Protein backbone atom coordinates (compact mmCIF):
# COMPACT_ATOMS: atom_id res chain seq x y z
CA UNK A 1 110.85 168.35 -10.54
CA UNK A 2 112.04 166.91 -7.21
CA UNK A 3 114.59 169.54 -7.07
CA UNK A 4 112.46 172.39 -6.80
CA UNK A 5 110.17 170.91 -4.67
CA UNK A 6 112.79 170.22 -2.38
CA UNK A 7 114.12 173.81 -3.01
CA UNK A 8 110.17 175.37 -2.16
CA UNK A 9 109.73 172.89 1.12
CA UNK A 10 113.22 174.85 2.37
CA UNK A 11 112.14 178.28 1.48
CA UNK A 12 108.86 177.00 3.38
CA UNK A 13 110.43 176.01 6.51
CA UNK A 14 111.26 179.62 7.35
CA UNK A 15 107.71 180.63 7.49
CA UNK A 16 107.01 177.35 10.10
CA UNK A 17 106.52 179.95 13.24
CA UNK A 18 103.94 182.14 11.69
CA UNK A 19 101.25 179.26 11.67
CA UNK A 20 102.19 178.30 15.53
CA UNK A 21 101.83 182.45 16.20
CA UNK A 22 98.37 182.59 14.32
CA UNK A 23 97.19 179.88 16.11
CA UNK A 24 97.88 181.32 19.78
CA UNK A 25 96.57 184.42 18.34
CA UNK A 26 93.12 183.36 16.95
CA UNK A 27 92.94 181.59 20.07
CA UNK A 28 93.26 184.12 22.47
CA UNK A 29 91.03 186.33 20.73
CA UNK A 30 88.34 183.42 20.79
CA UNK A 31 88.90 182.80 24.45
CA UNK A 32 88.75 186.49 25.29
CA UNK A 33 84.94 187.30 25.11
CA UNK A 34 83.87 183.91 26.52
CA UNK A 35 86.53 184.66 29.84
CA UNK A 36 85.09 188.70 29.58
CA UNK A 37 81.46 187.44 29.73
CA UNK A 38 82.03 184.53 32.71
CA UNK A 39 83.59 187.35 34.90
CA UNK A 40 81.26 189.87 34.61
CA UNK A 41 78.18 187.63 35.56
CA UNK A 42 79.91 184.58 37.60
CA UNK A 43 77.07 184.01 39.27
CA UNK A 44 74.98 183.68 36.06
CA UNK A 45 77.53 180.90 35.10
CA UNK A 46 77.19 179.44 38.11
CA UNK A 47 73.34 178.69 37.89
CA UNK A 48 73.93 177.84 33.94
CA UNK A 49 76.26 175.46 35.09
CA UNK A 50 74.15 174.04 37.71
CA UNK A 51 71.28 173.91 35.53
CA UNK A 52 73.45 171.51 33.13
CA UNK A 53 74.19 169.34 36.19
CA UNK A 54 78.00 170.10 35.96
CA UNK A 55 79.28 169.06 39.68
CA UNK A 56 80.77 171.75 41.28
CA UNK A 57 79.02 174.31 39.34
CA UNK A 58 80.47 177.38 41.34
CA UNK A 59 84.20 175.55 41.25
CA UNK A 60 83.97 174.80 37.70
CA UNK A 61 82.75 178.64 36.62
CA UNK A 62 85.69 179.95 38.49
CA UNK A 63 87.99 177.19 36.94
CA UNK A 64 86.77 177.72 33.53
CA UNK A 65 86.78 181.92 33.39
CA UNK A 66 90.23 181.59 34.96
CA UNK A 67 91.33 179.03 32.34
CA UNK A 68 90.04 181.07 29.71
CA UNK A 69 91.24 184.35 31.31
CA UNK A 70 94.64 183.01 31.66
CA UNK A 71 95.26 181.12 27.87
CA UNK A 72 94.15 184.58 26.68
CA UNK A 73 97.09 186.27 28.21
CA UNK A 74 99.42 183.39 28.07
CA UNK A 75 98.49 182.28 24.59
CA UNK A 76 99.56 186.63 23.17
CA UNK A 77 102.85 186.22 25.25
CA UNK A 78 103.71 182.44 24.46
CA UNK A 79 104.34 181.64 27.78
CA UNK A 80 103.55 178.16 29.15
CA UNK A 81 101.99 177.37 26.33
CA UNK A 82 101.93 173.90 26.28
CA UNK A 83 100.67 174.15 29.95
CA UNK A 84 97.73 176.17 29.25
CA UNK A 85 96.85 174.10 26.35
CA UNK A 86 96.11 171.44 28.50
CA UNK A 87 93.11 172.50 30.80
CA UNK A 88 91.95 174.72 27.89
CA UNK A 89 91.46 171.62 26.28
CA UNK A 90 89.76 170.30 29.07
CA UNK A 91 87.65 173.32 28.93
CA UNK A 92 86.79 172.64 25.26
CA UNK A 93 85.56 169.12 25.80
CA UNK A 94 83.32 169.53 28.52
CA UNK A 95 81.88 172.68 26.13
CA UNK A 96 81.36 170.04 23.47
CA UNK A 97 79.90 167.17 25.81
CA UNK A 98 77.61 169.87 28.01
CA UNK A 99 76.65 172.27 25.34
CA UNK A 100 77.56 172.21 21.30
CA UNK A 101 77.20 168.15 20.88
CA UNK A 102 73.40 168.33 20.99
CA UNK A 103 73.32 170.94 18.14
CA UNK A 104 75.49 168.59 15.72
CA UNK A 105 78.52 169.78 13.72
CA UNK A 106 77.63 173.43 12.04
CA UNK A 107 78.89 176.50 13.97
CA UNK A 108 75.65 178.18 12.75
CA UNK A 109 73.61 176.03 14.89
CA UNK A 110 75.92 176.20 18.18
CA UNK A 111 77.33 173.24 16.96
CA UNK A 112 80.91 171.86 17.93
CA UNK A 113 82.44 173.03 14.82
CA UNK A 114 84.12 175.83 16.51
CA UNK A 115 85.14 174.32 19.68
CA UNK A 116 86.47 171.35 18.07
CA UNK A 117 89.00 173.78 16.04
CA UNK A 118 90.08 175.23 18.95
CA UNK A 119 90.96 171.96 20.14
CA UNK A 120 92.94 170.92 17.37
CA UNK A 121 94.56 174.11 17.59
CA UNK A 122 95.61 173.46 20.99
CA UNK A 123 96.34 170.10 20.16
CA UNK A 124 99.02 171.67 17.62
CA UNK A 125 100.18 173.96 20.00
CA UNK A 126 100.62 171.40 22.49
CA UNK A 127 102.65 168.84 20.15
CA UNK A 128 104.81 171.22 18.32
CA UNK A 129 105.26 174.39 21.20
CA UNK A 130 104.13 178.18 20.57
CA UNK A 131 107.24 178.59 17.78
CA UNK A 132 109.90 180.90 18.03
CA UNK A 133 107.88 183.98 18.01
CA UNK A 134 107.02 183.43 21.78
CA UNK A 135 108.66 183.75 25.16
CA UNK A 136 108.94 180.03 25.92
CA UNK A 137 111.19 180.02 22.94
CA UNK A 138 113.42 182.58 24.47
CA UNK A 139 113.35 181.05 28.18
CA UNK A 140 114.28 177.54 26.04
CA UNK A 141 116.63 179.24 24.45
CA UNK A 142 118.55 180.71 27.46
CA UNK A 143 118.10 177.72 29.51
CA UNK A 144 120.08 175.76 26.93
CA UNK A 145 122.99 178.55 26.67
CA UNK A 146 122.96 178.51 30.46
CA UNK A 147 123.24 174.67 30.45
CA UNK A 148 126.02 174.52 27.76
CA UNK A 149 127.62 177.06 29.70
CA UNK A 150 127.97 174.77 32.90
CA UNK A 151 128.79 171.61 30.78
CA UNK A 152 132.09 173.87 29.50
CA UNK A 153 132.97 175.01 33.15
């Protein structure tokens, strides 16, 4: 039984990059509409942020919109995945605190469920990286081979 389990785990390891790719694509899709909505009505977002007493509402509206828009592109490409995960996590923490927390957990009540899921997926990408189906992977792979060539010379 232990042998079969070990073989099963080894076979699953081949698929380890699929969940990382799926998380990136789901997050990119999830940030697309909010980013588009913010850029479409940035002045309305500034007013909304001001009404929630978010400091420097204009600056923070532009930061949130830019972070989400950049996140869409970078997550799809798997480029700078770990780096973009950090400001996106901050954005989710701010959204949970300022908008969703008072509504409880459930997404149906505009609670913090969905931003929490995003936060968890972003944390996983920060820790594990984007996987092999990413530009980050190929950049890392080529820089490692370039380093090993320099060491040989």
